């Protein structure tokens, strides 16, 4: 993920993200590996790139997944 984000930053390419997490929640999610090990520095570096590329736009409304 880091390499992809870095490339898109350097090339000034548009990048779109969707997430159910805000930035703080996403950083916490990215901090832990599948084995439960903390990689805080790695998560911080990825979040720096995401914050550079993205502008958070909250979208509200009812949950349309359940009919």
C-alpha atoms as a PDB file:
ATOM      1  CA  UNK A   1       0.000   0.000   0.000  1.00  0.00           C
ATOM      2  CA  UNK A   2       2.797   2.406   0.895  1.00  0.00           C
ATOM      3  CA  UNK A   3       4.494   2.002  -2.496  1.00  0.00           C
ATOM      4  CA  UNK A   4       1.236   2.608  -4.369  1.00  0.00           C
ATOM      5  CA  UNK A   5       0.452   5.745  -2.374  1.00  0.00           C
ATOM      6  CA  UNK A   6       4.016   7.037  -2.783  1.00  0.00           C
ATOM      7  CA  UNK A   7       3.869   6.577  -6.569  1.00  0.00           C
ATOM      8  CA  UNK A   8       0.514   8.349  -6.819  1.00  0.00           C
ATOM      9  CA  UNK A   9       1.858  11.239  -4.725  1.00  0.00           C
ATOM     10  CA  UNK A  10       4.983  11.638  -6.844  1.00  0.00           C
ATOM     11  CA  UNK A  11       3.021  11.499 -10.100  1.00  0.00           C
ATOM     12  CA  UNK A  12       0.249  13.818  -8.822  1.00  0.00           C
ATOM     13  CA  UNK A  13      -2.353  11.229  -9.787  1.00  0.00           C
ATOM     14  CA  UNK A  14      -5.925  11.422  -8.550  1.00  0.00           C
ATOM     15  CA  UNK A  15      -6.624   8.888  -5.826  1.00  0.00           C
ATOM     16  CA  UNK A  16     -10.010   7.955  -4.422  1.00  0.00           C
ATOM     17  CA  UNK A  17     -10.620   6.177  -1.130  1.00  0.00           C
ATOM     18  CA  UNK A  18     -13.722   4.975   0.625  1.00  0.00           C
ATOM     19  CA  UNK A  19     -13.733   3.901   4.238  1.00  0.00           C
ATOM     20  CA  UNK A  20     -16.016   3.416   7.191  1.00  0.00           C
ATOM     21  CA  UNK A  21     -13.191   4.818   9.362  1.00  0.00           C
ATOM     22  CA  UNK A  22     -12.162   8.402  10.018  1.00  0.00           C
ATOM     23  CA  UNK A  23      -8.406   9.169   9.904  1.00  0.00           C
ATOM     24  CA  UNK A  24      -7.842   8.358  13.582  1.00  0.00           C
ATOM     25  CA  UNK A  25      -9.704   5.041  13.363  1.00  0.00           C
ATOM     26  CA  UNK A  26      -7.934   4.140  10.118  1.00  0.00           C
ATOM     27  CA  UNK A  27      -4.506   4.767  11.638  1.00  0.00           C
ATOM     28  CA  UNK A  28      -5.412   2.534  14.581  1.00  0.00           C
ATOM     29  CA  UNK A  29      -6.607  -0.177  12.164  1.00  0.00           C
ATOM     30  CA  UNK A  30      -3.399   0.037  10.102  1.00  0.00           C
ATOM     31  CA  UNK A  31      -1.219  -0.125  13.222  1.00  0.00           C
ATOM     32  CA  UNK A  32      -1.880  -3.799  13.925  1.00  0.00           C
ATOM     33  CA  UNK A  33      -0.830  -6.730  11.750  1.00  0.00           C
ATOM     34  CA  UNK A  34      -2.932  -9.848  11.284  1.00  0.00           C
ATOM     35  CA  UNK A  35      -0.860 -11.427  14.074  1.00  0.00           C
ATOM     36  CA  UNK A  36      -1.733  -8.550  16.417  1.00  0.00           C
ATOM     37  CA  UNK A  37       1.728  -6.968  16.376  1.00  0.00           C
ATOM     38  CA  UNK A  38       1.869  -3.165  16.551  1.00  0.00           C
ATOM     39  CA  UNK A  39       3.626  -1.325  13.711  1.00  0.00           C
ATOM     40  CA  UNK A  40       3.002   2.287  14.711  1.00  0.00           C
ATOM     41  CA  UNK A  41       5.705   3.847  12.523  1.00  0.00           C
ATOM     42  CA  UNK A  42       4.501   1.994   9.422  1.00  0.00           C
ATOM     43  CA  UNK A  43       0.902   3.060  10.075  1.00  0.00           C
ATOM     44  CA  UNK A  44       1.999   6.674  10.611  1.00  0.00           C
ATOM     45  CA  UNK A  45       3.893   6.716   7.286  1.00  0.00           C
ATOM     46  CA  UNK A  46       0.904   5.316   5.393  1.00  0.00           C
ATOM     47  CA  UNK A  47      -1.418   7.819   7.072  1.00  0.00           C
ATOM     48  CA  UNK A  48       0.878  10.714   6.077  1.00  0.00           C
ATOM     49  CA  UNK A  49       0.444   9.689   2.457  1.00  0.00           C
ATOM     50  CA  UNK A  50      -3.301   9.156   2.774  1.00  0.00           C
ATOM     51  CA  UNK A  51      -3.737  12.578   4.394  1.00  0.00           C
ATOM     52  CA  UNK A  52      -1.702  14.167   1.598  1.00  0.00           C
ATOM     53  CA  UNK A  53      -3.843  12.503  -1.074  1.00  0.00           C
ATOM     54  CA  UNK A  54      -7.282  12.600   0.537  1.00  0.00           C
ATOM     55  CA  UNK A  55      -9.810  15.079   1.819  1.00  0.00           C
ATOM     56  CA  UNK A  56     -12.312  13.561   4.246  1.00  0.00           C
ATOM     57  CA  UNK A  57     -15.925  14.047   3.216  1.00  0.00           C
ATOM     58  CA  UNK A  58     -18.373  12.534   5.714  1.00  0.00           C
ATOM     59  CA  UNK A  59     -21.462  11.079   4.103  1.00  0.00           C
ATOM     60  CA  UNK A  60     -24.466  10.623   6.333  1.00  0.00           C
ATOM     61  CA  UNK A  61     -27.845   9.090   5.876  1.00  0.00           C
ATOM     62  CA  UNK A  62     -29.533   5.832   6.543  1.00  0.00           C
ATOM     63  CA  UNK A  63     -27.848   2.492   5.991  1.00  0.00           C
ATOM     64  CA  UNK A  64     -28.986   1.281   2.569  1.00  0.00           C
ATOM     65  CA  UNK A  65     -27.373  -2.149   2.895  1.00  0.00           C
ATOM     66  CA  UNK A  66     -30.339  -3.490   4.833  1.00  0.00           C
ATOM     67  CA  UNK A  67     -33.657  -3.368   3.014  1.00  0.00           C
END
